[in-house]
């Protein structure tokens, strides 16, 4: 049953009009239309807000979890498409499972605002939470695809700035290596229904704007990961970014970072976004929620 569901999602992605490496203005419209087409459940409440000059969408949902606290969320889209508002569907699934307030961050996009603008926005948002009195232990960081890479870059920036780390970070199908050097770029090329090396190279060039793709804040796989909080890494077995997740987990372990890696056979890139339709996606988000619940300290708890 689950594999059949995953195959259906892969077929849907394969026949989607979205081409990540295509005309940017068109792809931004298509991306938002696809993600925005799903109705928001009645128990989901959203409002726009501001985090140190960085726009965000606050998401709360009728929750079954117990974590409380705040989740800082970074959407995907290869640093060039996507938005905080368009990510509400996936974000609400996390909010519902954790009882946390989730803040989906509308960081600046390339090529209009290339690297390190997104990293600067992420750090500004985190600093704002701290400045408002939110304890670092009451914050969890989450991101998918490029947003997963950005979440890791934020952790590195927090460490280098001497700030307290959040309680944990969960990254879903993270894009961690803008050099595209992972072996699954080739071995999963025919299987991946969502991503291509060409598309990622196009968007990486937009984001980097001439910067070295091995720069740690652009490609956290190449960073010294020591001092980061506990990490949960999830990836699908059908995606070309699988090696970005596998190599990240190995480097985190070598850096003495507590790390949990979970791969899902037959799953495509960011399959978690299909949680209402796919059993394995719902199970993956249950794991994300359990990880957050196991580390976050609700505000007000001593």
C-alpha atoms as a PDB file:
ATOM      1  CA  UNK A   1       0.000   0.000   0.000  1.00  0.00           C
ATOM      2  CA  UNK A   2       2.690   2.495   1.014  1.00  0.00           C
ATOM      3  CA  UNK A   3       4.909   1.788  -2.004  1.00  0.00           C
ATOM      4  CA  UNK A   4       1.906   2.206  -4.282  1.00  0.00           C
ATOM      5  CA  UNK A   5       1.224   5.576  -2.668  1.00  0.00           C
ATOM      6  CA  UNK A   6       4.850   6.626  -3.139  1.00  0.00           C
ATOM      7  CA  UNK A   7       4.744   5.565  -6.780  1.00  0.00           C
ATOM      8  CA  UNK A   8       1.625   7.679  -7.278  1.00  0.00           C
ATOM      9  CA  UNK A   9       3.359  10.712  -5.786  1.00  0.00           C
ATOM     10  CA  UNK A  10       6.389  10.124  -8.014  1.00  0.00           C
ATOM     11  CA  UNK A  11       4.132   9.947 -11.080  1.00  0.00           C
ATOM     12  CA  UNK A  12       2.484  13.185  -9.991  1.00  0.00           C
ATOM     13  CA  UNK A  13       5.843  14.914  -9.662  1.00  0.00           C
ATOM     14  CA  UNK A  14       7.100  13.521 -12.953  1.00  0.00           C
ATOM     15  CA  UNK A  15       4.083  14.954 -14.793  1.00  0.00           C
ATOM     16  CA  UNK A  16       4.139  18.257 -12.937  1.00  0.00           C
ATOM     17  CA  UNK A  17       4.647  21.485 -14.933  1.00  0.00           C
ATOM     18  CA  UNK A  18       7.320  22.521 -12.424  1.00  0.00           C
ATOM     19  CA  UNK A  19      10.851  22.629 -13.847  1.00  0.00           C
ATOM     20  CA  UNK A  20      13.181  23.856 -11.143  1.00  0.00           C
ATOM     21  CA  UNK A  21      15.707  24.991 -13.730  1.00  0.00           C
ATOM     22  CA  UNK A  22      13.165  26.689 -15.991  1.00  0.00           C
ATOM     23  CA  UNK A  23      12.127  30.302 -16.445  1.00  0.00           C
ATOM     24  CA  UNK A  24      12.243  31.717 -12.950  1.00  0.00           C
ATOM     25  CA  UNK A  25       9.203  33.999 -13.046  1.00  0.00           C
ATOM     26  CA  UNK A  26       7.051  31.218 -14.472  1.00  0.00           C
ATOM     27  CA  UNK A  27       8.363  28.597 -12.078  1.00  0.00           C
ATOM     28  CA  UNK A  28       7.690  30.814  -9.072  1.00  0.00           C
ATOM     29  CA  UNK A  29       4.053  31.112 -10.161  1.00  0.00           C
ATOM     30  CA  UNK A  30       3.755  27.383 -10.835  1.00  0.00           C
ATOM     31  CA  UNK A  31       5.373  26.439  -7.533  1.00  0.00           C
ATOM     32  CA  UNK A  32       3.084  28.659  -5.500  1.00  0.00           C
ATOM     33  CA  UNK A  33       0.028  27.507  -7.450  1.00  0.00           C
ATOM     34  CA  UNK A  34       0.842  23.841  -6.866  1.00  0.00           C
ATOM     35  CA  UNK A  35       1.511  24.238  -3.154  1.00  0.00           C
ATOM     36  CA  UNK A  36      -1.323  26.692  -2.675  1.00  0.00           C
ATOM     37  CA  UNK A  37      -3.909  24.510  -4.391  1.00  0.00           C
ATOM     38  CA  UNK A  38      -4.394  22.295  -1.340  1.00  0.00           C
ATOM     39  CA  UNK A  39      -7.005  23.698   1.060  1.00  0.00           C
ATOM     40  CA  UNK A  40      -5.750  24.673   4.492  1.00  0.00           C
ATOM     41  CA  UNK A  41      -7.475  22.578   7.184  1.00  0.00           C
ATOM     42  CA  UNK A  42      -9.998  24.346   9.362  1.00  0.00           C
ATOM     43  CA  UNK A  43      -7.903  23.933  12.496  1.00  0.00           C
ATOM     44  CA  UNK A  44      -4.932  25.827  11.017  1.00  0.00           C
ATOM     45  CA  UNK A  45      -4.514  29.481  11.984  1.00  0.00           C
ATOM     46  CA  UNK A  46      -1.995  31.730  10.249  1.00  0.00           C
ATOM     47  CA  UNK A  47      -0.891  35.317  10.493  1.00  0.00           C
ATOM     48  CA  UNK A  48       1.902  37.323   8.945  1.00  0.00           C
ATOM     49  CA  UNK A  49       4.584  38.599  11.267  1.00  0.00           C
ATOM     50  CA  UNK A  50       8.078  40.066  11.254  1.00  0.00           C
ATOM     51  CA  UNK A  51      11.331  38.741  12.685  1.00  0.00           C
ATOM     52  CA  UNK A  52      13.916  41.480  12.757  1.00  0.00           C
ATOM     53  CA  UNK A  53      12.867  42.837   9.384  1.00  0.00           C
ATOM     54  CA  UNK A  54      12.430  39.369   7.901  1.00  0.00           C
ATOM     55  CA  UNK A  55       8.831  38.478   6.968  1.00  0.00           C
ATOM     56  CA  UNK A  56       7.368  35.269   8.320  1.00  0.00           C
ATOM     57  CA  UNK A  57       4.101  33.396   8.585  1.00  0.00           C
ATOM     58  CA  UNK A  58       3.103  32.172  12.029  1.00  0.00           C
ATOM     59  CA  UNK A  59       1.278  28.840  11.897  1.00  0.00           C
ATOM     60  CA  UNK A  60      -0.675  27.202  14.690  1.00  0.00           C
ATOM     61  CA  UNK A  61      -2.847  24.116  14.392  1.00  0.00           C
ATOM     62  CA  UNK A  62      -5.189  22.030  16.461  1.00  0.00           C
ATOM     63  CA  UNK A  63      -2.443  19.959  18.012  1.00  0.00           C
ATOM     64  CA  UNK A  64      -2.104  16.438  19.337  1.00  0.00           C
ATOM     65  CA  UNK A  65       1.512  16.849  20.486  1.00  0.00           C
ATOM     66  CA  UNK A  66       2.957  18.288  23.649  1.00  0.00           C
ATOM     67  CA  UNK A  67       6.163  20.073  22.755  1.00  0.00           C
ATOM     68  CA  UNK A  68       5.031  23.661  22.710  1.00  0.00           C
ATOM     69  CA  UNK A  69       7.871  26.075  22.074  1.00  0.00           C
ATOM     70  CA  UNK A  70       8.748  27.593  18.701  1.00  0.00           C
ATOM     71  CA  UNK A  71       9.826  25.937  15.475  1.00  0.00           C
ATOM     72  CA  UNK A  72      11.735  28.102  13.003  1.00  0.00           C
ATOM     73  CA  UNK A  73      11.019  26.691   9.531  1.00  0.00           C
ATOM     74  CA  UNK A  74      12.823  27.268   6.213  1.00  0.00           C
ATOM     75  CA  UNK A  75      11.060  26.369   2.965  1.00  0.00           C
ATOM     76  CA  UNK A  76      12.618  24.765  -0.078  1.00  0.00           C
ATOM     77  CA  UNK A  77      12.860  25.936  -3.664  1.00  0.00           C
ATOM     78  CA  UNK A  78      16.585  25.889  -4.475  1.00  0.00           C
ATOM     79  CA  UNK A  79      17.043  29.346  -2.887  1.00  0.00           C
ATOM     80  CA  UNK A  80      15.181  30.874  -5.831  1.00  0.00           C
ATOM     81  CA  UNK A  81      11.496  29.921  -5.604  1.00  0.00           C
ATOM     82  CA  UNK A  82       8.979  29.144  -2.881  1.00  0.00           C
ATOM     83  CA  UNK A  83       7.666  31.280  -0.056  1.00  0.00           C
ATOM     84  CA  UNK A  84       6.718  31.203   3.583  1.00  0.00           C
ATOM     85  CA  UNK A  85       3.029  31.308   2.685  1.00  0.00           C
ATOM     86  CA  UNK A  86       3.262  28.468   0.175  1.00  0.00           C
ATOM     87  CA  UNK A  87       4.799  26.185   2.796  1.00  0.00           C
ATOM     88  CA  UNK A  88       1.834  26.415   5.170  1.00  0.00           C
ATOM     89  CA  UNK A  89       0.524  22.955   4.240  1.00  0.00           C
ATOM     90  CA  UNK A  90       3.652  21.099   5.336  1.00  0.00           C
ATOM     91  CA  UNK A  91       4.300  23.489   8.200  1.00  0.00           C
ATOM     92  CA  UNK A  92       0.807  22.942   9.611  1.00  0.00           C
ATOM     93  CA  UNK A  93       1.440  19.190   9.743  1.00  0.00           C
ATOM     94  CA  UNK A  94       4.450  19.854  11.966  1.00  0.00           C
ATOM     95  CA  UNK A  95       2.522  22.350  14.086  1.00  0.00           C
ATOM     96  CA  UNK A  96      -0.302  19.869  14.602  1.00  0.00           C
ATOM     97  CA  UNK A  97       2.035  17.102  15.705  1.00  0.00           C
ATOM     98  CA  UNK A  98       4.077  19.185  18.156  1.00  0.00           C
ATOM     99  CA  UNK A  99       1.731  21.825  19.590  1.00  0.00           C
ATOM    100  CA  UNK A 100       4.510  24.291  18.729  1.00  0.00           C
ATOM    101  CA  UNK A 101       4.124  27.685  17.131  1.00  0.00           C
ATOM    102  CA  UNK A 102       5.826  27.340  13.753  1.00  0.00           C
ATOM    103  CA  UNK A 103       7.334  30.395  12.094  1.00  0.00           C
ATOM    104  CA  UNK A 104       7.869  29.912   8.361  1.00  0.00           C
ATOM    105  CA  UNK A 105      10.580  32.372   7.372  1.00  0.00           C
ATOM    106  CA  UNK A 106      10.310  34.375   4.143  1.00  0.00           C
ATOM    107  CA  UNK A 107      14.023  34.729   3.514  1.00  0.00           C
ATOM    108  CA  UNK A 108      15.247  36.644   0.459  1.00  0.00           C
ATOM    109  CA  UNK A 109      15.601  34.704  -2.775  1.00  0.00           C
ATOM    110  CA  UNK A 110      18.231  34.568  -5.504  1.00  0.00           C
ATOM    111  CA  UNK A 111      19.155  35.850  -7.995  1.00  0.00           C
ATOM    112  CA  UNK A 112      17.781  39.166  -6.736  1.00  0.00           C
ATOM    113  CA  UNK A 113      19.400  38.586  -3.334  1.00  0.00           C
ATOM    114  CA  UNK A 114      22.213  36.054  -3.693  1.00  0.00           C
ATOM    115  CA  UNK A 115      24.265  34.322  -1.005  1.00  0.00           C
ATOM    116  CA  UNK A 116      24.653  35.164   1.851  1.00  0.00           C
ATOM    117  CA  UNK A 117      21.353  37.086   1.997  1.00  0.00           C
ATOM    118  CA  UNK A 118      19.297  34.016   2.964  1.00  0.00           C
ATOM    119  CA  UNK A 119      21.762  33.116   5.729  1.00  0.00           C
ATOM    120  CA  UNK A 120      21.729  36.690   7.022  1.00  0.00           C
ATOM    121  CA  UNK A 121      17.917  36.602   7.136  1.00  0.00           C
ATOM    122  CA  UNK A 122      17.895  33.272   8.958  1.00  0.00           C
ATOM    123  CA  UNK A 123      20.298  34.558  11.607  1.00  0.00           C
ATOM    124  CA  UNK A 124      18.342  37.815  11.962  1.00  0.00           C
ATOM    125  CA  UNK A 125      15.154  35.830  12.556  1.00  0.00           C
ATOM    126  CA  UNK A 126      16.835  33.666  15.198  1.00  0.00           C
ATOM    127  CA  UNK A 127      18.413  36.661  16.948  1.00  0.00           C
ATOM    128  CA  UNK A 128      14.997  38.309  17.076  1.00  0.00           C
ATOM    129  CA  UNK A 129      13.481  35.324  18.880  1.00  0.00           C
ATOM    130  CA  UNK A 130      16.290  35.451  21.439  1.00  0.00           C
ATOM    131  CA  UNK A 131      15.977  39.222  21.815  1.00  0.00           C
ATOM    132  CA  UNK A 132      12.255  38.809  22.479  1.00  0.00           C
ATOM    133  CA  UNK A 133      13.040  36.522  25.372  1.00  0.00           C
ATOM    134  CA  UNK A 134      12.501  33.135  23.760  1.00  0.00           C
ATOM    135  CA  UNK A 135      14.978  30.706  25.345  1.00  0.00           C
ATOM    136  CA  UNK A 136      17.194  28.926  22.833  1.00  0.00           C
ATOM    137  CA  UNK A 137      16.139  25.616  24.348  1.00  0.00           C
ATOM    138  CA  UNK A 138      12.540  26.425  23.447  1.00  0.00           C
ATOM    139  CA  UNK A 139      13.424  26.744  19.738  1.00  0.00           C
ATOM    140  CA  UNK A 140      13.734  23.964  17.178  1.00  0.00           C
ATOM    141  CA  UNK A 141      14.917  24.529  13.616  1.00  0.00           C
ATOM    142  CA  UNK A 142      13.491  22.686  10.621  1.00  0.00           C
ATOM    143  CA  UNK A 143      13.878  22.982   6.865  1.00  0.00           C
ATOM    144  CA  UNK A 144      13.325  21.073   3.650  1.00  0.00           C
ATOM    145  CA  UNK A 145      15.522  20.855   0.534  1.00  0.00           C
ATOM    146  CA  UNK A 146      17.377  24.170   0.201  1.00  0.00           C
ATOM    147  CA  UNK A 147      15.671  25.167   3.436  1.00  0.00           C
ATOM    148  CA  UNK A 148      17.399  22.205   5.048  1.00  0.00           C
ATOM    149  CA  UNK A 149      20.750  23.510   3.871  1.00  0.00           C
ATOM    150  CA  UNK A 150      19.799  26.952   5.139  1.00  0.00           C
ATOM    151  CA  UNK A 151      18.825  25.519   8.532  1.00  0.00           C
ATOM    152  CA  UNK A 152      22.297  23.990   8.812  1.00  0.00           C
ATOM    153  CA  UNK A 153      23.938  27.240   7.708  1.00  0.00           C
ATOM    154  CA  UNK A 154      21.986  28.978  10.458  1.00  0.00           C
ATOM    155  CA  UNK A 155      23.357  26.561  13.058  1.00  0.00           C
ATOM    156  CA  UNK A 156      26.886  27.282  11.866  1.00  0.00           C
ATOM    157  CA  UNK A 157      26.236  31.023  12.007  1.00  0.00           C
ATOM    158  CA  UNK A 158      24.790  30.726  15.513  1.00  0.00           C
ATOM    159  CA  UNK A 159      27.883  28.852  16.663  1.00  0.00           C
ATOM    160  CA  UNK A 160      30.290  31.282  15.039  1.00  0.00           C
ATOM    161  CA  UNK A 161      28.429  34.264  16.527  1.00  0.00           C
ATOM    162  CA  UNK A 162      28.711  32.775  20.020  1.00  0.00           C
ATOM    163  CA  UNK A 163      24.940  32.492  20.435  1.00  0.00           C
ATOM    164  CA  UNK A 164      23.201  29.598  22.217  1.00  0.00           C
ATOM    165  CA  UNK A 165      22.136  26.792  19.916  1.00  0.00           C
ATOM    166  CA  UNK A 166      18.492  25.778  19.504  1.00  0.00           C
ATOM    167  CA  UNK A 167      17.299  22.519  20.998  1.00  0.00           C
ATOM    168  CA  UNK A 168      17.558  20.548  17.751  1.00  0.00           C
ATOM    169  CA  UNK A 169      17.359  20.698  13.975  1.00  0.00           C
ATOM    170  CA  UNK A 170      15.417  18.488  11.569  1.00  0.00           C
ATOM    171  CA  UNK A 171      16.295  18.610   7.873  1.00  0.00           C
ATOM    172  CA  UNK A 172      14.173  16.936   5.214  1.00  0.00           C
ATOM    173  CA  UNK A 173      15.861  15.999   1.923  1.00  0.00           C
ATOM    174  CA  UNK A 174      18.513  18.661   2.600  1.00  0.00           C
ATOM    175  CA  UNK A 175      20.548  20.233  -0.198  1.00  0.00           C
ATOM    176  CA  UNK A 176      23.914  20.426   1.527  1.00  0.00           C
ATOM    177  CA  UNK A 177      26.452  20.373  -1.327  1.00  0.00           C
ATOM    178  CA  UNK A 178      26.182  22.985  -4.080  1.00  0.00           C
ATOM    179  CA  UNK A 179      29.100  21.365  -5.924  1.00  0.00           C
ATOM    180  CA  UNK A 180      26.667  18.548  -6.880  1.00  0.00           C
ATOM    181  CA  UNK A 181      29.381  15.981  -6.160  1.00  0.00           C
ATOM    182  CA  UNK A 182      27.250  13.269  -4.561  1.00  0.00           C
ATOM    183  CA  UNK A 183      27.294   9.892  -6.275  1.00  0.00           C
ATOM    184  CA  UNK A 184      23.493   9.698  -6.310  1.00  0.00           C
ATOM    185  CA  UNK A 185      23.460  12.700  -8.644  1.00  0.00           C
ATOM    186  CA  UNK A 186      24.240  10.031 -11.229  1.00  0.00           C
ATOM    187  CA  UNK A 187      22.957   6.775  -9.775  1.00  0.00           C
ATOM    188  CA  UNK A 188      19.497   8.169  -8.915  1.00  0.00           C
ATOM    189  CA  UNK A 189      19.184  10.439 -11.963  1.00  0.00           C
ATOM    190  CA  UNK A 190      16.771   8.161 -13.807  1.00  0.00           C
ATOM    191  CA  UNK A 191      14.713   7.491 -10.688  1.00  0.00           C
ATOM    192  CA  UNK A 192      14.259  11.030  -9.363  1.00  0.00           C
ATOM    193  CA  UNK A 193      10.936  12.484 -10.577  1.00  0.00           C
ATOM    194  CA  UNK A 194      11.501  15.965  -9.152  1.00  0.00           C
ATOM    195  CA  UNK A 195      15.144  17.072  -9.469  1.00  0.00           C
ATOM    196  CA  UNK A 196      17.876  17.087 -12.101  1.00  0.00           C
ATOM    197  CA  UNK A 197      21.539  17.994 -11.895  1.00  0.00           C
ATOM    198  CA  UNK A 198      21.005  20.617 -14.615  1.00  0.00           C
ATOM    199  CA  UNK A 199      18.266  22.345 -12.627  1.00  0.00           C
ATOM    200  CA  UNK A 200      20.313  22.370  -9.433  1.00  0.00           C
ATOM    201  CA  UNK A 201      23.353  23.709 -11.252  1.00  0.00           C
ATOM    202  CA  UNK A 202      21.245  26.534 -12.685  1.00  0.00           C
ATOM    203  CA  UNK A 203      19.819  27.549  -9.340  1.00  0.00           C
ATOM    204  CA  UNK A 204      23.149  27.099  -7.529  1.00  0.00           C
ATOM    205  CA  UNK A 205      24.736  29.556  -9.968  1.00  0.00           C
ATOM    206  CA  UNK A 206      21.929  32.045  -9.254  1.00  0.00           C
ATOM    207  CA  UNK A 207      22.395  31.697  -5.517  1.00  0.00           C
ATOM    208  CA  UNK A 208      26.184  31.708  -5.391  1.00  0.00           C
ATOM    209  CA  UNK A 209      26.653  34.622  -7.817  1.00  0.00           C
ATOM    210  CA  UNK A 210      30.315  33.719  -8.181  1.00  0.00           C
ATOM    211  CA  UNK A 211      30.971  32.553  -4.625  1.00  0.00           C
ATOM    212  CA  UNK A 212      32.861  29.301  -4.101  1.00  0.00           C
ATOM    213  CA  UNK A 213      30.295  26.459  -3.933  1.00  0.00           C
ATOM    214  CA  UNK A 214      32.374  24.824  -1.199  1.00  0.00           C
ATOM    215  CA  UNK A 215      31.878  27.820   1.103  1.00  0.00           C
ATOM    216  CA  UNK A 216      30.561  26.243   4.319  1.00  0.00           C
ATOM    217  CA  UNK A 217      27.588  28.563   4.758  1.00  0.00           C
ATOM    218  CA  UNK A 218      26.508  27.791   1.184  1.00  0.00           C
ATOM    219  CA  UNK A 219      27.346  24.074   1.321  1.00  0.00           C
ATOM    220  CA  UNK A 220      27.210  22.932   4.959  1.00  0.00           C
ATOM    221  CA  UNK A 221      28.477  19.494   3.952  1.00  0.00           C
ATOM    222  CA  UNK A 222      31.917  21.101   3.653  1.00  0.00           C
ATOM    223  CA  UNK A 223      31.739  22.767   7.079  1.00  0.00           C
ATOM    224  CA  UNK A 224      33.225  21.860  10.424  1.00  0.00           C
ATOM    225  CA  UNK A 225      30.055  20.660  12.159  1.00  0.00           C
ATOM    226  CA  UNK A 226      31.407  20.583  15.708  1.00  0.00           C
ATOM    227  CA  UNK A 227      29.171  22.203  18.311  1.00  0.00           C
ATOM    228  CA  UNK A 228      25.874  21.742  16.482  1.00  0.00           C
ATOM    229  CA  UNK A 229      22.754  20.562  18.335  1.00  0.00           C
ATOM    230  CA  UNK A 230      21.156  17.133  17.759  1.00  0.00           C
ATOM    231  CA  UNK A 231      20.244  16.559  14.114  1.00  0.00           C
ATOM    232  CA  UNK A 232      17.518  14.521  12.448  1.00  0.00           C
ATOM    233  CA  UNK A 233      18.118  13.908   8.743  1.00  0.00           C
ATOM    234  CA  UNK A 234      15.513  12.375   6.456  1.00  0.00           C
ATOM    235  CA  UNK A 235      15.837  11.566   2.761  1.00  0.00           C
ATOM    236  CA  UNK A 236      14.043   9.555   0.103  1.00  0.00           C
ATOM    237  CA  UNK A 237      15.656   6.626  -1.636  1.00  0.00           C
ATOM    238  CA  UNK A 238      14.575   7.899  -5.043  1.00  0.00           C
ATOM    239  CA  UNK A 239      16.212  11.328  -4.951  1.00  0.00           C
ATOM    240  CA  UNK A 240      19.485  12.560  -6.396  1.00  0.00           C
ATOM    241  CA  UNK A 241      20.160  14.421  -3.128  1.00  0.00           C
ATOM    242  CA  UNK A 242      20.290  11.157  -1.169  1.00  0.00           C
ATOM    243  CA  UNK A 243      24.080  11.385  -0.885  1.00  0.00           C
ATOM    244  CA  UNK A 244      23.803  14.935   0.473  1.00  0.00           C
ATOM    245  CA  UNK A 245      21.948  13.434   3.434  1.00  0.00           C
ATOM    246  CA  UNK A 246      24.142  10.346   3.821  1.00  0.00           C
ATOM    247  CA  UNK A 247      27.405  12.272   3.754  1.00  0.00           C
ATOM    248  CA  UNK A 248      26.032  14.912   6.109  1.00  0.00           C
ATOM    249  CA  UNK A 249      25.122  12.255   8.656  1.00  0.00           C
ATOM    250  CA  UNK A 250      28.619  10.759   8.457  1.00  0.00           C
ATOM    251  CA  UNK A 251      30.319  14.141   8.886  1.00  0.00           C
ATOM    252  CA  UNK A 252      28.056  15.013  11.804  1.00  0.00           C
ATOM    253  CA  UNK A 253      28.903  11.723  13.515  1.00  0.00           C
ATOM    254  CA  UNK A 254      32.624  12.310  12.996  1.00  0.00           C
ATOM    255  CA  UNK A 255      32.165  15.801  14.509  1.00  0.00           C
ATOM    256  CA  UNK A 256      30.594  14.233  17.614  1.00  0.00           C
ATOM    257  CA  UNK A 257      27.178  15.712  16.832  1.00  0.00           C
ATOM    258  CA  UNK A 258      24.217  13.575  17.937  1.00  0.00           C
ATOM    259  CA  UNK A 259      22.628  12.557  14.632  1.00  0.00           C
ATOM    260  CA  UNK A 260      19.711  10.405  13.531  1.00  0.00           C
ATOM    261  CA  UNK A 261      19.478   9.419   9.866  1.00  0.00           C
ATOM    262  CA  UNK A 262      16.333   7.939   8.354  1.00  0.00           C
ATOM    263  CA  UNK A 263      16.004   7.008   4.673  1.00  0.00           C
ATOM    264  CA  UNK A 264      12.745   5.937   3.067  1.00  0.00           C
ATOM    265  CA  UNK A 265      13.012   3.445   0.177  1.00  0.00           C
ATOM    266  CA  UNK A 266      11.124   4.479  -2.928  1.00  0.00           C
ATOM    267  CA  UNK A 267      10.364   7.960  -1.618  1.00  0.00           C
ATOM    268  CA  UNK A 268      10.966  11.044  -3.775  1.00  0.00           C
ATOM    269  CA  UNK A 269      12.330  14.437  -2.777  1.00  0.00           C
ATOM    270  CA  UNK A 270      10.435  16.054   0.141  1.00  0.00           C
ATOM    271  CA  UNK A 271       7.781  13.350   0.093  1.00  0.00           C
ATOM    272  CA  UNK A 272       6.808  14.569   3.584  1.00  0.00           C
ATOM    273  CA  UNK A 273       4.750  17.250   1.873  1.00  0.00           C
ATOM    274  CA  UNK A 274       2.253  14.559   0.908  1.00  0.00           C
ATOM    275  CA  UNK A 275       1.480  13.480   4.479  1.00  0.00           C
ATOM    276  CA  UNK A 276      -2.323  13.651   4.027  1.00  0.00           C
ATOM    277  CA  UNK A 277      -2.054  11.179   1.130  1.00  0.00           C
ATOM    278  CA  UNK A 278       0.933   8.933   1.837  1.00  0.00           C
ATOM    279  CA  UNK A 279       1.312   6.753   4.920  1.00  0.00           C
ATOM    280  CA  UNK A 280       5.101   6.880   4.856  1.00  0.00           C
ATOM    281  CA  UNK A 281       5.063  10.672   4.672  1.00  0.00           C
ATOM    282  CA  UNK A 282       2.842  10.843   7.738  1.00  0.00           C
ATOM    283  CA  UNK A 283       5.166   8.419   9.529  1.00  0.00           C
ATOM    284  CA  UNK A 284       8.157  10.584   8.623  1.00  0.00           C
ATOM    285  CA  UNK A 285       6.505  13.675  10.089  1.00  0.00           C
ATOM    286  CA  UNK A 286       5.559  11.706  13.187  1.00  0.00           C
ATOM    287  CA  UNK A 287       9.283  11.027  13.578  1.00  0.00           C
ATOM    288  CA  UNK A 288      10.087  14.713  13.102  1.00  0.00           C
ATOM    289  CA  UNK A 289       7.561  15.613  15.790  1.00  0.00           C
ATOM    290  CA  UNK A 290       8.895  12.972  18.172  1.00  0.00           C
ATOM    291  CA  UNK A 291      12.414  14.305  17.643  1.00  0.00           C
ATOM    292  CA  UNK A 292      11.324  17.877  18.325  1.00  0.00           C
ATOM    293  CA  UNK A 293       9.276  16.763  21.339  1.00  0.00           C
ATOM    294  CA  UNK A 294      12.248  14.893  22.716  1.00  0.00           C
ATOM    295  CA  UNK A 295      14.547  17.921  22.725  1.00  0.00           C
ATOM    296  CA  UNK A 296      12.588  21.153  22.935  1.00  0.00           C
ATOM    297  CA  UNK A 297      11.855  22.850  26.263  1.00  0.00           C
ATOM    298  CA  UNK A 298       8.433  24.530  26.270  1.00  0.00           C
ATOM    299  CA  UNK A 299       8.658  28.172  27.281  1.00  0.00           C
ATOM    300  CA  UNK A 300       8.127  28.663  30.974  1.00  0.00           C
ATOM    301  CA  UNK A 301       9.475  25.249  31.974  1.00  0.00           C
ATOM    302  CA  UNK A 302      12.504  25.593  34.288  1.00  0.00           C
END
